[in-house]
Amino acid sequence: MKTAIAKLMLAAGLGMAAAPLFAAEIVVIVNPKNPATRMFSEQAGQFFLGKSTLFTPVEHTDGALRNEFYKKVLDKDATQVKAIWSKLVFTGKATAPKEYGSSAEVKKAVAADVSAIGYIEKSQVDDTVKVILTVQ
């Protein structure tokens, strides 16, 4: 009996360890010269789904940060977002966002373009970008 319980506890522990968790707080950022000061999640989501061209989205490559952002802001997974952008690009309605491998690169791209919008870990924020949304 003890062996069965030990195996069950081990399996449960391994299952939890295998689930990727993203613990850092995510913020949506723009260039400090951009007049935007605050945004709701639904508004930010429009830019990352190609529904508005007011801002140019700057994207992360695949990873935990990107997946968490999609889940919390877009209520979608990476496959769904990729399908949306594929259709927009194929029909000529939009150009897919540029992707960067780190928050430092996303921050640099947003800092260099007044029309850019991106998301990074809150801990990466400095005076080169302005936070307009903290993702809940």
N, C-alpha and C. Protein backbone atom coordinates (compact mmCIF):
# COMPACT_ATOMS: atom_id res chain seq x y z
N MET A 1 0.82 -1.19 0.00
CA MET A 1 0.00 0.00 0.00
C MET A 1 0.87 1.27 0.00
N LYS A 2 1.92 1.26 0.85
CA LYS A 2 2.80 2.42 0.91
C LYS A 2 3.50 2.64 -0.43
N THR A 3 3.85 1.58 -1.12
CA THR A 3 4.52 1.69 -2.41
C THR A 3 3.61 2.34 -3.44
N ALA A 4 2.35 1.96 -3.46
CA ALA A 4 1.39 2.53 -4.40
C ALA A 4 1.19 4.02 -4.14
N ILE A 5 1.12 4.39 -2.87
CA ILE A 5 0.95 5.80 -2.52
C ILE A 5 2.20 6.58 -2.91
N ALA A 6 3.36 6.02 -2.64
CA ALA A 6 4.62 6.68 -2.99
C ALA A 6 4.71 6.89 -4.50
N LYS A 7 4.32 5.87 -5.28
CA LYS A 7 4.35 6.00 -6.74
C LYS A 7 3.38 7.08 -7.21
N LEU A 8 2.21 7.12 -6.60
CA LEU A 8 1.20 8.11 -6.97
C LEU A 8 1.70 9.53 -6.66
N MET A 9 2.32 9.69 -5.48
CA MET A 9 2.85 11.00 -5.11
C MET A 9 3.99 11.41 -6.03
N LEU A 10 4.84 10.47 -6.39
CA LEU A 10 5.94 10.75 -7.30
C LEU A 10 5.41 11.16 -8.67
N ALA A 11 4.42 10.44 -9.16
CA ALA A 11 3.84 10.76 -10.47
C ALA A 11 3.20 12.14 -10.45
N ALA A 12 2.50 12.46 -9.37
CA ALA A 12 1.87 13.78 -9.27
C ALA A 12 2.93 14.87 -9.24
N GLY A 13 3.99 14.64 -8.50
CA GLY A 13 5.08 15.61 -8.42
C GLY A 13 5.76 15.80 -9.75
N LEU A 14 5.99 14.73 -10.48
CA LEU A 14 6.62 14.82 -11.80
C LEU A 14 5.72 15.55 -12.78
N GLY A 15 4.44 15.31 -12.69
CA GLY A 15 3.48 15.97 -13.58
C GLY A 15 3.48 17.47 -13.37
N MET A 16 3.57 17.88 -12.13
CA MET A 16 3.60 19.31 -11.84
C MET A 16 4.91 19.93 -12.30
N ALA A 17 5.99 19.20 -12.18
CA ALA A 17 7.28 19.74 -12.59
C ALA A 17 7.35 19.89 -14.11
N ALA A 18 6.62 19.05 -14.83
CA ALA A 18 6.67 19.10 -16.29
C ALA A 18 5.86 20.26 -16.86
N ALA A 19 4.91 20.79 -16.08
CA ALA A 19 4.08 21.88 -16.57
C ALA A 19 4.86 23.19 -16.47
N PRO A 20 5.12 23.85 -17.60
CA PRO A 20 5.88 25.09 -17.56
C PRO A 20 5.07 26.20 -16.91
N LEU A 21 5.68 26.90 -16.00
CA LEU A 21 5.03 28.01 -15.33
C LEU A 21 5.82 29.27 -15.63
N PHE A 22 5.09 30.36 -15.90
CA PHE A 22 5.75 31.63 -16.13
C PHE A 22 5.38 32.53 -14.97
N ALA A 23 6.33 32.81 -14.10
CA ALA A 23 6.05 33.51 -12.87
C ALA A 23 6.21 35.03 -12.97
N ALA A 24 6.95 35.52 -13.93
CA ALA A 24 7.21 36.96 -14.02
C ALA A 24 5.97 37.71 -14.48
N GLU A 25 5.86 38.95 -14.03
CA GLU A 25 4.75 39.80 -14.44
C GLU A 25 5.04 40.33 -15.85
N ILE A 26 4.03 40.33 -16.71
CA ILE A 26 4.17 40.77 -18.10
C ILE A 26 3.56 42.16 -18.24
N VAL A 27 4.26 43.03 -18.99
CA VAL A 27 3.76 44.37 -19.26
C VAL A 27 3.79 44.62 -20.77
N VAL A 28 2.84 45.43 -21.22
CA VAL A 28 2.81 45.87 -22.62
C VAL A 28 3.48 47.24 -22.66
N ILE A 29 4.38 47.38 -23.63
CA ILE A 29 5.20 48.60 -23.70
C ILE A 29 5.08 49.30 -25.05
N VAL A 30 5.33 50.61 -25.02
CA VAL A 30 5.42 51.42 -26.24
C VAL A 30 6.61 52.36 -26.08
N ASN A 31 6.92 53.05 -27.15
CA ASN A 31 7.98 54.05 -27.15
C ASN A 31 7.56 55.20 -26.23
N PRO A 32 8.48 55.76 -25.44
CA PRO A 32 8.12 56.87 -24.54
C PRO A 32 7.56 58.09 -25.26
N LYS A 33 7.89 58.26 -26.53
CA LYS A 33 7.38 59.40 -27.30
C LYS A 33 5.96 59.18 -27.81
N ASN A 34 5.47 57.96 -27.71
CA ASN A 34 4.11 57.66 -28.13
C ASN A 34 3.15 58.30 -27.13
N PRO A 35 2.07 58.95 -27.61
CA PRO A 35 1.15 59.62 -26.69
C PRO A 35 0.29 58.67 -25.84
N ALA A 36 0.22 57.39 -26.17
CA ALA A 36 -0.60 56.46 -25.40
C ALA A 36 -0.08 56.38 -23.96
N THR A 37 -1.01 56.35 -23.02
CA THR A 37 -0.63 56.28 -21.62
C THR A 37 -1.17 55.05 -20.91
N ARG A 38 -2.30 54.53 -21.41
CA ARG A 38 -2.92 53.38 -20.78
C ARG A 38 -3.74 52.63 -21.82
N MET A 39 -3.89 51.31 -21.61
CA MET A 39 -4.62 50.50 -22.55
C MET A 39 -5.24 49.31 -21.81
N PHE A 40 -6.40 48.88 -22.26
CA PHE A 40 -7.02 47.67 -21.73
C PHE A 40 -6.49 46.46 -22.48
N SER A 41 -6.57 45.29 -21.88
CA SER A 41 -6.11 44.05 -22.53
C SER A 41 -6.75 43.85 -23.89
N GLU A 42 -8.06 44.11 -23.98
CA GLU A 42 -8.77 43.91 -25.24
C GLU A 42 -8.22 44.81 -26.34
N GLN A 43 -7.86 46.03 -25.97
CA GLN A 43 -7.29 46.96 -26.95
C GLN A 43 -5.92 46.48 -27.40
N ALA A 44 -5.08 46.10 -26.46
CA ALA A 44 -3.74 45.62 -26.80
C ALA A 44 -3.83 44.38 -27.69
N GLY A 45 -4.76 43.51 -27.37
CA GLY A 45 -4.93 42.28 -28.14
C GLY A 45 -5.22 42.52 -29.61
N GLN A 46 -5.91 43.60 -29.94
CA GLN A 46 -6.24 43.91 -31.33
C GLN A 46 -4.99 44.03 -32.20
N PHE A 47 -3.94 44.61 -31.65
CA PHE A 47 -2.72 44.82 -32.42
C PHE A 47 -1.98 43.51 -32.66
N PHE A 48 -2.03 42.61 -31.68
CA PHE A 48 -1.33 41.34 -31.79
C PHE A 48 -2.13 40.29 -32.56
N LEU A 49 -3.36 40.65 -32.97
CA LEU A 49 -4.17 39.79 -33.83
C LEU A 49 -4.40 40.41 -35.20
N GLY A 50 -3.73 41.53 -35.47
CA GLY A 50 -3.84 42.17 -36.78
C GLY A 50 -5.15 42.87 -37.03
N LYS A 51 -5.91 43.18 -35.98
CA LYS A 51 -7.21 43.82 -36.14
C LYS A 51 -7.13 45.34 -36.19
N SER A 52 -5.97 45.89 -35.86
CA SER A 52 -5.77 47.34 -35.90
C SER A 52 -4.33 47.62 -36.33
N THR A 53 -4.15 48.70 -37.07
CA THR A 53 -2.81 49.07 -37.53
C THR A 53 -2.31 50.34 -36.85
N LEU A 54 -3.00 50.78 -35.81
CA LEU A 54 -2.58 51.97 -35.08
C LEU A 54 -1.18 51.80 -34.48
N PHE A 55 -0.88 50.57 -34.03
CA PHE A 55 0.45 50.23 -33.53
C PHE A 55 1.00 49.08 -34.36
N THR A 56 2.32 48.97 -34.40
CA THR A 56 2.99 47.86 -35.08
C THR A 56 3.46 46.87 -34.01
N PRO A 57 2.89 45.67 -33.97
CA PRO A 57 3.28 44.72 -32.93
C PRO A 57 4.70 44.18 -33.13
N VAL A 58 5.40 44.07 -32.03
CA VAL A 58 6.73 43.47 -31.98
C VAL A 58 6.57 42.22 -31.12
N GLU A 59 6.95 41.10 -31.65
CA GLU A 59 6.61 39.80 -31.06
C GLU A 59 7.83 39.06 -30.54
N HIS A 60 7.60 38.21 -29.56
CA HIS A 60 8.62 37.27 -29.08
C HIS A 60 8.57 36.01 -29.94
N THR A 61 9.70 35.33 -30.06
CA THR A 61 9.67 34.01 -30.68
C THR A 61 8.98 33.07 -29.69
N ASP A 62 8.71 31.85 -30.12
CA ASP A 62 8.00 30.90 -29.26
C ASP A 62 8.65 30.78 -27.89
N GLY A 63 7.83 30.59 -26.88
CA GLY A 63 8.35 30.41 -25.53
C GLY A 63 7.28 30.66 -24.49
N ALA A 64 7.67 30.53 -23.23
CA ALA A 64 6.73 30.65 -22.12
C ALA A 64 6.12 32.04 -22.02
N LEU A 65 6.91 33.07 -22.23
CA LEU A 65 6.40 34.45 -22.16
C LEU A 65 5.33 34.68 -23.22
N ARG A 66 5.62 34.29 -24.43
CA ARG A 66 4.67 34.45 -25.54
C ARG A 66 3.39 33.66 -25.27
N ASN A 67 3.51 32.42 -24.81
CA ASN A 67 2.33 31.60 -24.54
C ASN A 67 1.48 32.20 -23.43
N GLU A 68 2.12 32.70 -22.40
CA GLU A 68 1.37 33.32 -21.29
C GLU A 68 0.67 34.59 -21.74
N PHE A 69 1.34 35.40 -22.55
CA PHE A 69 0.72 36.61 -23.09
C PHE A 69 -0.50 36.26 -23.94
N TYR A 70 -0.34 35.30 -24.83
CA TYR A 70 -1.46 34.88 -25.68
C TYR A 70 -2.63 34.40 -24.84
N LYS A 71 -2.34 33.62 -23.83
CA LYS A 71 -3.39 33.06 -22.97
C LYS A 71 -4.13 34.16 -22.21
N LYS A 72 -3.38 35.06 -21.60
CA LYS A 72 -3.98 36.07 -20.74
C LYS A 72 -4.59 37.25 -21.49
N VAL A 73 -3.97 37.68 -22.58
CA VAL A 73 -4.44 38.87 -23.29
C VAL A 73 -5.34 38.51 -24.48
N LEU A 74 -4.95 37.49 -25.23
CA LEU A 74 -5.69 37.15 -26.45
C LEU A 74 -6.70 36.03 -26.24
N ASP A 75 -6.59 35.31 -25.13
CA ASP A 75 -7.41 34.13 -24.85
C ASP A 75 -7.30 33.11 -25.98
N LYS A 76 -6.06 32.94 -26.46
CA LYS A 76 -5.77 32.02 -27.55
C LYS A 76 -4.45 31.33 -27.28
N ASP A 77 -4.18 30.24 -28.02
CA ASP A 77 -2.87 29.61 -27.92
C ASP A 77 -2.06 29.99 -29.16
N ALA A 78 -0.79 29.59 -29.16
CA ALA A 78 0.11 29.98 -30.25
C ALA A 78 -0.36 29.50 -31.62
N THR A 79 -0.94 28.31 -31.68
CA THR A 79 -1.42 27.76 -32.95
C THR A 79 -2.55 28.62 -33.52
N GLN A 80 -3.46 29.05 -32.67
CA GLN A 80 -4.57 29.88 -33.11
C GLN A 80 -4.07 31.23 -33.64
N VAL A 81 -3.13 31.83 -32.92
CA VAL A 81 -2.60 33.13 -33.34
C VAL A 81 -1.85 32.99 -34.66
N LYS A 82 -1.07 31.93 -34.79
CA LYS A 82 -0.33 31.70 -36.03
C LYS A 82 -1.30 31.55 -37.21
N ALA A 83 -2.40 30.86 -37.00
CA ALA A 83 -3.40 30.68 -38.07
C ALA A 83 -4.01 32.02 -38.48
N ILE A 84 -4.28 32.87 -37.51
CA ILE A 84 -4.85 34.19 -37.80
C ILE A 84 -3.88 35.00 -38.66
N TRP A 85 -2.60 35.03 -38.24
CA TRP A 85 -1.61 35.80 -39.00
C TRP A 85 -1.35 35.19 -40.37
N SER A 86 -1.37 33.88 -40.48
CA SER A 86 -1.17 33.23 -41.79
C SER A 86 -2.24 33.67 -42.77
N LYS A 87 -3.48 33.72 -42.31
CA LYS A 87 -4.58 34.14 -43.17
C LYS A 87 -4.43 35.61 -43.58
N LEU A 88 -4.07 36.46 -42.62
CA LEU A 88 -3.88 37.88 -42.92
C LEU A 88 -2.76 38.10 -43.93
N VAL A 89 -1.66 37.40 -43.75
CA VAL A 89 -0.52 37.54 -44.65
C VAL A 89 -0.87 36.99 -46.03
N PHE A 90 -1.51 35.81 -46.08
CA PHE A 90 -1.88 35.18 -47.35
C PHE A 90 -2.81 36.06 -48.18
N THR A 91 -3.75 36.72 -47.50
CA THR A 91 -4.72 37.57 -48.21
C THR A 91 -4.18 38.97 -48.49
N GLY A 92 -2.97 39.25 -48.01
CA GLY A 92 -2.36 40.55 -48.26
C GLY A 92 -2.88 41.66 -47.37
N LYS A 93 -3.59 41.31 -46.32
CA LYS A 93 -4.18 42.32 -45.44
C LYS A 93 -3.21 42.82 -44.38
N ALA A 94 -2.14 42.08 -44.15
CA ALA A 94 -1.20 42.48 -43.10
C ALA A 94 0.15 41.81 -43.32
N THR A 95 1.14 42.34 -42.64
CA THR A 95 2.47 41.74 -42.60
C THR A 95 2.67 41.20 -41.19
N ALA A 96 3.15 39.99 -41.08
CA ALA A 96 3.35 39.38 -39.77
C ALA A 96 4.33 40.20 -38.94
N PRO A 97 4.11 40.24 -37.62
CA PRO A 97 5.02 40.99 -36.75
C PRO A 97 6.45 40.44 -36.80
N LYS A 98 7.41 41.33 -36.62
CA LYS A 98 8.80 40.89 -36.48
C LYS A 98 8.92 40.19 -35.13
N GLU A 99 9.72 39.13 -35.12
CA GLU A 99 9.91 38.35 -33.90
C GLU A 99 11.34 38.51 -33.39
N TYR A 100 11.46 38.59 -32.09
CA TYR A 100 12.76 38.72 -31.44
C TYR A 100 12.90 37.66 -30.36
N GLY A 101 14.13 37.25 -30.11
CA GLY A 101 14.41 36.13 -29.22
C GLY A 101 14.46 36.45 -27.75
N SER A 102 14.42 37.73 -27.37
CA SER A 102 14.50 38.06 -25.95
C SER A 102 13.74 39.34 -25.66
N SER A 103 13.45 39.54 -24.39
CA SER A 103 12.79 40.78 -24.00
C SER A 103 13.69 41.99 -24.24
N ALA A 104 14.99 41.81 -24.09
CA ALA A 104 15.92 42.92 -24.35
C ALA A 104 15.82 43.36 -25.82
N GLU A 105 15.70 42.40 -26.74
CA GLU A 105 15.58 42.73 -28.16
C GLU A 105 14.23 43.37 -28.47
N VAL A 106 13.16 42.87 -27.84
CA VAL A 106 11.83 43.46 -28.03
C VAL A 106 11.84 44.90 -27.52
N LYS A 107 12.41 45.09 -26.34
CA LYS A 107 12.49 46.43 -25.75
C LYS A 107 13.27 47.38 -26.65
N LYS A 108 14.36 46.93 -27.21
CA LYS A 108 15.18 47.75 -28.11
C LYS A 108 14.39 48.13 -29.36
N ALA A 109 13.65 47.17 -29.93
CA ALA A 109 12.85 47.43 -31.13
C ALA A 109 11.73 48.43 -30.85
N VAL A 110 11.08 48.30 -29.71
CA VAL A 110 10.01 49.24 -29.34
C VAL A 110 10.59 50.62 -29.07
N ALA A 111 11.73 50.68 -28.41
CA ALA A 111 12.37 51.96 -28.12
C ALA A 111 12.78 52.70 -29.39
N ALA A 112 13.03 51.96 -30.46
CA ALA A 112 13.49 52.55 -31.71
C ALA A 112 12.36 52.97 -32.65
N ASP A 113 11.11 52.62 -32.32
CA ASP A 113 9.99 52.87 -33.24
C ASP A 113 8.80 53.42 -32.45
N VAL A 114 8.43 54.65 -32.71
CA VAL A 114 7.35 55.30 -31.96
C VAL A 114 6.00 54.62 -32.18
N SER A 115 5.84 53.86 -33.25
CA SER A 115 4.56 53.18 -33.51
C SER A 115 4.54 51.72 -33.04
N ALA A 116 5.63 51.25 -32.47
CA ALA A 116 5.73 49.85 -32.05
C ALA A 116 5.04 49.61 -30.71
N ILE A 117 4.58 48.37 -30.54
CA ILE A 117 4.01 47.91 -29.28
C ILE A 117 4.53 46.50 -29.05
N GLY A 118 4.90 46.20 -27.83
CA GLY A 118 5.45 44.89 -27.51
C GLY A 118 5.12 44.51 -26.08
N TYR A 119 5.61 43.37 -25.65
CA TYR A 119 5.43 42.94 -24.27
C TYR A 119 6.71 42.29 -23.78
N ILE A 120 7.00 42.55 -22.51
CA ILE A 120 8.21 42.04 -21.88
C ILE A 120 7.91 41.75 -20.41
N GLU A 121 8.89 41.17 -19.72
CA GLU A 121 8.78 40.99 -18.29
C GLU A 121 8.91 42.36 -17.62
N LYS A 122 8.12 42.59 -16.59
CA LYS A 122 8.15 43.88 -15.90
C LYS A 122 9.55 44.20 -15.39
N SER A 123 10.29 43.20 -14.99
CA SER A 123 11.63 43.41 -14.46
C SER A 123 12.60 43.98 -15.50
N GLN A 124 12.25 43.89 -16.78
CA GLN A 124 13.11 44.38 -17.86
C GLN A 124 12.85 45.85 -18.23
N VAL A 125 11.82 46.46 -17.63
CA VAL A 125 11.44 47.83 -17.98
C VAL A 125 12.50 48.82 -17.50
N ASP A 126 12.80 49.78 -18.37
CA ASP A 126 13.66 50.90 -18.00
C ASP A 126 13.10 52.15 -18.69
N ASP A 127 13.83 53.25 -18.68
CA ASP A 127 13.29 54.50 -19.23
C ASP A 127 13.31 54.58 -20.76
N THR A 128 13.73 53.50 -21.44
CA THR A 128 13.71 53.50 -22.91
C THR A 128 12.33 53.12 -23.46
N VAL A 129 11.44 52.64 -22.58
CA VAL A 129 10.09 52.26 -22.98
C VAL A 129 9.09 52.75 -21.93
N LYS A 130 7.81 52.75 -22.32
CA LYS A 130 6.74 53.18 -21.41
C LYS A 130 5.74 52.04 -21.27
N VAL A 131 5.37 51.71 -20.05
CA VAL A 131 4.38 50.67 -19.77
C VAL A 131 2.99 51.26 -19.91
N ILE A 132 2.15 50.59 -20.73
CA ILE A 132 0.76 51.06 -20.88
C ILE A 132 -0.26 50.04 -20.38
N LEU A 133 0.23 48.84 -20.04
CA LEU A 133 -0.66 47.81 -19.51
C LEU A 133 0.16 46.80 -18.72
N THR A 134 -0.34 46.46 -17.54
CA THR A 134 0.22 45.34 -16.78
C THR A 134 -0.76 44.20 -16.95
N VAL A 135 -0.27 43.09 -17.47
CA VAL A 135 -1.11 41.93 -17.78
C VAL A 135 -1.49 41.22 -16.49
N GLN A 136 -2.77 40.98 -16.33
CA GLN A 136 -3.27 40.30 -15.12
C GLN A 136 -3.51 38.84 -15.37
